[in-house]
Protein backbone atom coordinates (compact mmCIF):
# COMPACT_ATOMS: atom_id res chain seq x y z
CA UNK A 1 54.05 -9.78 114.28
CA UNK A 2 52.62 -7.65 117.51
CA UNK A 3 49.07 -6.67 116.49
CA UNK A 4 48.51 -4.33 119.19
CA UNK A 5 51.54 -2.56 118.22
CA UNK A 6 50.52 -2.56 114.45
CA UNK A 7 47.40 -0.77 115.41
CA UNK A 8 48.86 1.86 117.97
CA UNK A 9 51.40 2.91 114.51
CA UNK A 10 48.14 2.62 112.82
CA UNK A 11 46.05 5.02 114.88
CA UNK A 12 49.23 7.66 114.68
CA UNK A 13 49.22 7.43 111.20
CA UNK A 14 45.44 8.05 111.00
CA UNK A 15 45.61 11.46 113.37
CA UNK A 16 48.54 12.44 110.88
CA UNK A 17 46.34 11.79 108.09
CA UNK A 18 43.36 13.78 109.25
CA UNK A 19 45.91 16.59 108.98
CA UNK A 20 47.37 16.32 105.80
CA UNK A 21 45.73 18.11 103.34
CA UNK A 22 46.88 16.53 100.71
CA UNK A 23 45.29 12.85 102.11
CA UNK A 24 41.87 14.74 102.64
CA UNK A 25 41.73 15.93 99.23
CA UNK A 26 42.67 12.79 97.68
CA UNK A 27 40.37 10.34 99.32
CA UNK A 28 37.42 12.41 100.18
CA UNK A 29 36.93 15.61 98.48
CA UNK A 30 37.85 14.25 95.00
CA UNK A 31 35.40 11.29 95.21
CA UNK A 32 32.64 13.37 96.63
CA UNK A 33 33.07 16.38 94.44
CA UNK A 34 34.35 14.62 91.36
CA UNK A 35 31.03 12.58 90.01
CA UNK A 36 28.66 15.48 90.67
CA UNK A 37 30.48 17.93 88.73
CA UNK A 38 31.57 15.10 85.93
CA UNK A 39 27.46 14.02 85.60
CA UNK A 40 26.59 17.49 86.12
CA UNK A 41 28.70 18.82 83.26
CA UNK A 42 28.25 15.88 80.97
CA UNK A 43 24.66 16.20 81.45
CA UNK A 44 24.29 19.88 80.69
CA UNK A 45 26.74 19.39 77.60
CA UNK A 46 24.69 16.42 76.09
CA UNK A 47 20.99 18.35 76.76
CA UNK A 48 22.56 21.92 75.17
CA UNK A 49 24.59 20.94 72.47
CA UNK A 50 22.35 17.84 71.58
CA UNK A 51 19.10 19.82 72.03
CA UNK A 52 20.72 22.55 69.89
CA UNK A 53 22.32 20.41 67.19
CA UNK A 54 18.93 18.63 66.64
CA UNK A 55 16.70 21.66 66.53
CA UNK A 56 19.19 23.41 63.92
CA UNK A 57 18.29 23.12 59.86
CA UNK A 58 21.72 21.41 58.46
CA UNK A 59 23.51 22.78 55.66
CA UNK A 60 23.69 20.51 52.94
CA UNK A 61 24.73 20.47 49.18
CA UNK A 62 23.12 18.95 46.24
CA UNK A 63 25.16 17.67 43.36
CA UNK A 64 22.21 17.48 40.29
CA UNK A 65 18.99 17.41 40.26
CA UNK A 66 18.68 20.06 37.84
CA UNK A 67 16.78 18.40 35.61
CA UNK A 68 14.47 16.65 38.68
CA UNK A 69 12.87 19.55 39.80
CA UNK A 70 10.23 17.40 42.08
CA UNK A 71 12.63 16.01 43.79
CA UNK A 72 14.59 19.28 44.04
CA UNK A 73 11.15 21.75 45.23
CA UNK A 74 10.85 18.67 48.01
CA UNK A 75 14.36 19.12 49.06
CA UNK A 76 14.23 22.97 49.29
CA UNK A 77 10.71 22.51 51.61
CA UNK A 78 11.70 20.39 53.76
CA UNK A 79 12.66 22.48 56.82
CA UNK A 80 14.98 20.25 58.78
CA UNK A 81 17.92 21.26 56.16
CA UNK A 82 19.41 24.49 54.39
CA UNK A 83 20.83 23.97 50.90
CA UNK A 84 23.51 25.84 49.76
CA UNK A 85 24.75 26.90 46.39
CA UNK A 86 27.21 23.45 45.60
CA UNK A 87 30.64 23.93 45.23
CA UNK A 88 33.32 21.49 43.05
CA UNK A 89 35.38 21.10 46.40
CA UNK A 90 31.82 19.67 48.59
CA UNK A 91 33.47 16.64 49.63
CA UNK A 92 36.25 18.66 51.28
CA UNK A 93 33.81 20.82 52.72
CA UNK A 94 32.35 17.99 54.53
CA UNK A 95 35.58 16.65 55.95
CA UNK A 96 36.10 20.28 57.03
CA UNK A 97 32.72 20.42 59.17
CA UNK A 98 31.69 23.71 56.73
CA UNK A 99 28.49 21.96 55.41
CA UNK A 100 27.46 19.03 57.27
CA UNK A 101 26.31 16.71 54.02
CA UNK A 102 26.25 15.98 50.52
CA UNK A 103 23.72 14.73 48.29
CA UNK A 104 24.73 13.42 44.94
CA UNK A 105 21.01 13.01 43.03
CA UNK A 106 21.47 10.90 39.34
CA UNK A 107 21.19 12.38 35.87
CA UNK A 108 16.99 12.20 34.67
CA UNK A 109 16.03 11.26 38.83
CA UNK A 110 12.54 12.42 38.17
CA UNK A 111 11.76 11.21 35.02
CA UNK A 112 13.21 7.81 35.96
CA UNK A 113 10.88 7.52 38.72
CA UNK A 114 7.90 8.10 36.47
CA UNK A 115 9.17 5.50 34.06
CA UNK A 116 9.06 2.76 37.43
CA UNK A 117 12.65 2.62 37.24
CA UNK A 118 15.09 2.50 39.99
CA UNK A 119 17.42 5.23 40.60
CA UNK A 120 20.25 5.80 43.31
CA UNK A 121 20.82 8.68 45.59
CA UNK A 122 24.07 8.94 47.71
CA UNK A 123 24.76 10.94 51.13
CA UNK A 124 28.12 11.90 51.78
CA UNK A 125 28.39 12.88 55.42
CA UNK A 126 31.15 12.92 58.23
CA UNK A 127 31.42 9.57 59.92
CA UNK A 128 32.06 10.57 63.98
CA UNK A 129 30.80 14.28 63.59
CA UNK A 130 27.37 13.89 65.33
CA UNK A 131 26.23 17.25 63.34
CA UNK A 132 27.11 15.51 60.17
CA UNK A 133 25.22 12.71 61.21
CA UNK A 134 22.38 14.33 62.16
CA UNK A 135 22.26 15.77 58.74
CA UNK A 136 22.34 12.01 57.32
CA UNK A 137 19.45 11.10 59.37
CA UNK A 138 17.63 13.63 58.38
CA UNK A 139 18.29 13.30 54.35
CA UNK A 140 17.60 9.67 55.15
CA UNK A 141 14.14 10.28 56.23
CA UNK A 142 13.57 12.56 53.69
CA UNK A 143 14.26 10.35 50.78
CA UNK A 144 12.60 7.46 52.75
CA UNK A 145 8.90 9.41 52.85
CA UNK A 146 9.80 10.38 49.72
CA UNK A 147 10.10 7.26 48.35
CA UNK A 148 7.38 5.93 50.15
CA UNK A 149 4.90 8.93 48.94
CA UNK A 150 5.95 8.02 45.11
CA UNK A 151 4.99 4.17 45.83
CA UNK A 152 1.63 4.81 47.45
CA UNK A 153 1.06 7.41 44.20
CA UNK A 154 1.66 4.26 42.12
CA UNK A 155 -0.18 2.06 43.80
CA UNK A 156 -3.59 4.43 43.88
CA UNK A 157 -3.09 4.52 40.04
CA UNK A 158 -3.24 1.02 39.81
CA UNK A 159 -6.22 0.81 42.11
CA UNK A 160 -4.14 -0.94 44.29
CA UNK A 161 -4.04 -0.61 48.64
CA UNK A 162 -1.18 1.43 50.04
CA UNK A 163 -1.05 -1.57 52.40
CA UNK A 164 0.99 -3.65 50.16
CA UNK A 165 4.34 -1.23 51.02
CA UNK A 166 4.17 -2.76 54.56
CA UNK A 167 2.15 -6.18 54.38
CA UNK A 168 3.23 -6.83 57.92
CA UNK A 169 4.89 -4.43 60.95
CA UNK A 170 7.52 -6.24 63.55
CA UNK A 171 7.59 -4.52 67.01
CA UNK A 172 10.85 -4.67 68.75
CA UNK A 173 10.28 -4.70 72.74
CA UNK A 174 13.21 -4.85 75.23
CA UNK A 175 11.71 -7.05 78.06
CA UNK A 176 14.87 -7.04 80.33
CA UNK A 177 14.09 -4.70 82.94
CA UNK A 178 15.17 -1.02 82.84
CA UNK A 179 17.35 -1.64 86.10
CA UNK A 180 19.36 -4.38 83.72
CA UNK A 181 19.56 -1.88 81.12
CA UNK A 182 21.32 0.78 82.64
CA UNK A 183 23.57 -1.45 84.58
CA UNK A 184 25.06 -2.61 81.00
CA UNK A 185 24.98 0.61 79.51
CA UNK A 186 27.24 1.67 82.52
CA UNK A 187 28.27 -1.10 84.63
CA UNK A 188 31.28 -1.39 82.64
CA UNK A 189 32.77 2.08 83.25
CA UNK A 190 31.51 2.12 87.19
CA UNK A 191 34.39 -0.44 88.17
CA UNK A 192 36.90 1.64 86.08
CA UNK A 193 35.95 5.06 87.97
CA UNK A 194 36.13 3.09 91.24
CA UNK A 195 39.42 1.26 90.29
CA UNK A 196 41.21 4.28 89.32
CA UNK A 197 39.90 6.40 92.42
CA UNK A 198 40.88 3.46 94.53
CA UNK A 199 44.15 3.62 93.51
CA UNK A 200 44.44 7.51 93.65
CA UNK A 201 43.06 7.49 97.24
CA UNK A 202 45.70 5.05 98.52
CA UNK A 203 48.56 6.70 96.57
CA UNK A 204 49.03 9.90 98.46
CA UNK A 205 48.97 8.49 101.73
CA UNK A 206 51.80 5.92 100.69
CA UNK A 207 54.12 8.51 99.48
CA UNK A 208 53.38 10.50 102.92
CA UNK A 209 54.46 7.85 105.43
CA UNK A 210 57.46 6.60 103.34
CA UNK A 211 59.04 9.23 101.93
CA UNK A 212 57.40 11.94 103.07
CA UNK A 213 58.62 10.45 106.25
CA UNK A 214 62.35 10.54 105.05
CA UNK A 215 62.00 14.13 103.98
CA UNK A 216 61.03 15.43 106.84
CA UNK A 217 63.85 13.27 109.06
CA UNK A 218 60.83 11.48 111.13
CA UNK A 219 61.73 8.15 109.64
CA UNK A 220 64.83 7.48 112.00
CA UNK A 221 62.91 8.66 114.93
CA UNK A 222 59.88 5.84 114.49
CA UNK A 223 62.66 3.09 113.67
CA UNK A 224 64.10 4.22 117.20
CA UNK A 225 61.09 3.12 118.84
CA UNK A 226 60.88 -0.21 120.75
CA UNK A 227 58.24 -1.51 117.84
CA UNK A 228 59.35 -4.50 115.50
CA UNK A 229 59.64 -3.06 111.61
CA UNK A 230 57.07 -5.65 110.32
CA UNK A 231 54.52 -3.84 112.79
CA UNK A 232 55.62 -0.29 111.50
CA UNK A 233 54.91 -1.59 108.27
CA UNK A 234 51.59 -3.31 108.83
CA UNK A 235 50.45 -0.05 110.70
CA UNK A 236 51.54 2.22 107.85
CA UNK A 237 49.77 -0.50 105.27
CA UNK A 238 46.73 -0.52 107.27
CA UNK A 239 46.01 3.55 106.83
CA UNK A 240 46.85 3.38 103.13
CA UNK A 241 44.09 0.48 102.76
CA UNK A 242 42.09 2.31 105.18
CA UNK A 243 42.03 5.49 102.93
CA UNK A 244 42.05 3.50 99.82
CA UNK A 245 38.56 1.51 100.73
CA UNK A 246 37.18 4.88 102.15
CA UNK A 247 37.62 6.49 98.58
CA UNK A 248 36.01 3.25 97.09
CA UNK A 249 33.23 3.58 99.55
CA UNK A 250 32.73 7.67 98.91
CA UNK A 251 33.34 7.06 94.87
CA UNK A 252 30.35 4.47 94.97
CA UNK A 253 28.22 6.63 97.14
CA UNK A 254 28.90 9.81 94.89
CA UNK A 255 28.17 7.88 92.12
CA UNK A 256 24.89 6.77 92.80
CA UNK A 257 23.62 10.03 94.25
CA UNK A 258 24.92 11.82 91.02
CA UNK A 259 23.15 9.50 88.75
CA UNK A 260 19.97 9.68 90.51
CA UNK A 261 20.28 13.68 90.69
CA UNK A 262 21.28 13.72 87.07
CA UNK A 263 18.37 11.29 85.93
CA UNK A 264 16.13 13.62 87.22
CA UNK A 265 17.68 16.75 85.80
CA UNK A 266 19.01 15.60 82.56
CA UNK A 267 17.48 12.23 81.61
CA UNK A 268 13.94 12.80 82.59
CA UNK A 269 12.70 11.37 79.79
CA UNK A 270 14.32 8.27 79.65
CA UNK A 271 13.91 4.77 80.15
CA UNK A 272 17.50 3.75 81.80
CA UNK A 273 17.43 3.16 85.43
CA UNK A 274 20.23 2.73 87.28
CA UNK A 275 19.40 1.68 90.71
CA UNK A 276 22.09 -0.87 91.80
CA UNK A 277 21.14 -3.76 94.27
CA UNK A 278 22.59 -3.07 97.71
CA UNK A 279 23.71 -6.49 97.92
CA UNK A 280 25.73 -5.71 94.68
CA UNK A 281 27.27 -3.25 96.29
CA UNK A 282 28.69 -4.72 99.22
CA UNK A 283 29.77 -7.42 96.81
CA UNK A 284 31.77 -4.89 94.73
CA UNK A 285 33.24 -3.44 98.47
CA UNK A 286 34.47 -7.43 98.77
CA UNK A 287 35.46 -7.74 96.00
CA UNK A 288 37.95 -4.66 96.00
CA UNK A 289 39.26 -5.12 99.47
CA UNK A 290 42.11 -7.19 98.41
CA UNK A 291 42.63 -4.72 95.28
CA UNK A 292 43.05 -2.08 97.74
CA UNK A 293 45.64 -4.50 99.72
CA UNK A 294 47.30 -4.81 97.03
CA UNK A 295 47.94 -1.04 95.61
CA UNK A 296 48.62 -0.50 99.16
CA UNK A 297 51.33 -2.65 99.30
CA UNK A 298 52.60 -2.36 96.17
CA UNK A 299 52.71 1.56 96.57
CA UNK A 300 54.53 1.33 99.92
CA UNK A 301 57.44 -0.69 98.74
CA UNK A 302 57.88 1.84 95.40
CA UNK A 303 57.60 4.96 97.75
CA UNK A 304 60.14 3.53 99.85
CA UNK A 305 62.75 3.72 97.61
CA UNK A 306 62.10 7.39 96.90
CA UNK A 307 64.13 9.93 99.55
CA UNK A 308 61.83 12.75 98.91
CA UNK A 309 58.19 13.09 98.31
CA UNK A 310 58.37 14.74 94.63
CA UNK A 311 60.96 11.76 93.58
CA UNK A 312 58.31 9.03 95.13
CA UNK A 313 55.67 10.52 93.07
CA UNK A 314 57.82 10.19 89.93
CA UNK A 315 58.20 6.31 90.72
CA UNK A 316 54.43 6.10 91.51
CA UNK A 317 52.68 8.31 88.79
CA UNK A 318 53.58 5.69 86.04
CA UNK A 319 51.87 3.03 87.95
CA UNK A 320 48.44 4.76 87.12
CA UNK A 321 48.88 3.54 83.44
CA UNK A 322 49.66 0.14 84.73
CA UNK A 323 46.15 0.72 86.79
CA UNK A 324 44.30 2.27 83.71
CA UNK A 325 45.37 -0.31 81.39
CA UNK A 326 43.58 -3.21 82.67
CA UNK A 327 40.79 -1.59 84.06
CA UNK A 328 39.69 0.40 81.13
CA UNK A 329 39.93 -3.23 79.04
CA UNK A 330 37.49 -4.61 81.32
CA UNK A 331 35.49 -1.89 80.76
CA UNK A 332 35.15 -2.74 77.05
CA UNK A 333 32.32 -4.24 75.59
CA UNK A 334 32.98 -8.44 74.57
CA UNK A 335 35.34 -8.68 77.19
CA UNK A 336 33.84 -11.30 79.52
CA UNK A 337 35.05 -12.71 83.07
CA UNK A 338 36.20 -16.49 82.42
CA UNK A 339 38.93 -18.64 84.17
CA UNK A 340 41.93 -16.87 82.07
CA UNK A 341 41.07 -13.54 82.28
CA UNK A 342 40.34 -14.39 86.08
CA UNK A 343 44.09 -14.60 86.70
CA UNK A 344 44.86 -11.30 85.23
CA UNK A 345 44.76 -8.56 88.36
CA UNK A 346 43.18 -5.64 88.31
CA UNK A 347 41.19 -6.79 84.75
CA UNK A 348 39.94 -9.73 87.06
CA UNK A 349 38.09 -7.23 89.79
CA UNK A 350 36.68 -5.17 86.57
CA UNK A 351 35.01 -7.62 84.83
CA UNK A 352 33.60 -9.08 88.14
CA UNK A 353 32.51 -5.85 89.66
CA UNK A 354 30.66 -5.20 85.80
CA UNK A 355 29.15 -8.76 85.89
CA UNK A 356 27.87 -8.04 89.99
CA UNK A 357 26.55 -4.29 89.04
CA UNK A 358 24.37 -6.07 86.15
CA UNK A 359 23.01 -8.55 88.50
CA UNK A 360 25.11 -11.54 87.07
CA UNK A 361 27.16 -13.59 90.25
CA UNK A 362 29.40 -15.89 88.74
CA UNK A 363 30.51 -17.59 92.00
CA UNK A 364 33.45 -19.85 91.22
CA UNK A 365 34.77 -17.26 89.32
CA UNK A 366 34.21 -14.60 91.73
CA UNK A 367 35.85 -16.82 94.31
CA UNK A 368 38.73 -17.13 91.62
CA UNK A 369 39.08 -13.50 91.71
CA UNK A 370 39.20 -12.90 95.26
CA UNK A 371 41.64 -15.45 95.92
CA UNK A 372 44.15 -14.60 93.01
CA UNK A 373 43.77 -10.95 93.67
CA UNK A 374 44.40 -12.04 97.69
CA UNK A 375 47.53 -14.20 96.87
CA UNK A 376 48.60 -10.86 94.42
CA UNK A 377 48.19 -9.18 97.78
CA UNK A 378 50.00 -11.28 100.03
CA UNK A 379 53.16 -10.93 97.50
CA UNK A 380 53.03 -7.01 97.94
CA UNK A 381 52.95 -7.18 101.72
CA UNK A 382 55.83 -9.65 101.70
CA UNK A 383 57.71 -6.99 99.16
CA UNK A 384 56.84 -4.20 101.24
CA UNK A 385 57.90 -5.54 104.90
CA UNK A 386 61.05 -6.41 102.88
CA UNK A 387 61.84 -3.43 101.93
CA UNK A 388 61.55 -2.05 104.91
CA UNK A 389 63.75 -4.50 106.66
CA UNK A 390 66.62 -3.37 104.37
CA UNK A 391 68.86 -0.41 105.35
CA UNK A 392 70.03 1.03 102.20
CA UNK A 393 66.12 1.55 101.17
CA UNK A 394 65.70 3.32 104.26
CA UNK A 395 68.49 5.29 104.61
CA UNK A 396 69.38 6.11 101.10
CA UNK A 397 71.19 9.03 100.44
């Protein structure tokens, strides 16, 4: 391989890439615009809809309570809920989100409490529906307070202090730095987003430099130049790697700035901080390099099979799911980096990046992940070079 020839091809492809709107859009515009837009929409929606849901009086139905006027009067006076007339299909109405919750009060509830007997109130709600869960929380708070008031009255009637209800308190405090808390919450999804954008940043240049060249009829012209095919594929390969790495770096930069802005705008009352150590950013970029190489090699080899850009899209698009699956598994809680997961491509990079963002440096595992990804990348490069040397692939009709 002649490195000088490969760099000449690389510079030529770089100039062509800067003229291609599709590549610029996937490599620069989408990473720079996607994260600010994403954080803005999510922050606005969370602030608006969550705030409105918490302020509105939740519509509930009450089954029973006809013989218990005390608890019913207290419920009607509770401004956080709005009691609707009971219907026989109340459970279905909760499931249909017509009402938010159903309260079932047993017969003789007031009388049982006066006699000192314990009774059970049931709250039916729609798990997973935020408004229904909010109504359940409101009702739970009401009955907790109502129970405590009855207990205080009973203690006062017997001349006992109300402190007997709470002989001691437990104070739970977060002792982890706020920055680590934020990294633990978001650290799993940051590598996921970066890996996906790193792949898509390499996807369009790889298709354009192979199937696009065939479609335009310029592949034959390039092959007639006095440059070895290995040098040609390495030059194109370097261009795709550059596009992938630039996309990843822009994604991380845009993500950090977007989170800082949304923190001031939408999360101003939160203790969550997402201040990632600059050394962690550099470590993540370093760990992403062999993955970008792997993406570039695989995409070049796959896209070269196609004879048109559109056909290349049909071959390359399914690979997105191959990348998404391990990346999203790495973002799930409970999935940790170990010597087994360190062998699985993409998943290992996702997990090690998550650890680094959280401030955990497992040097042995990091070296294993980097080494294994380099091995996979080398196999991918060898496959791409071999594909470029096959006439039936280059001149497929």
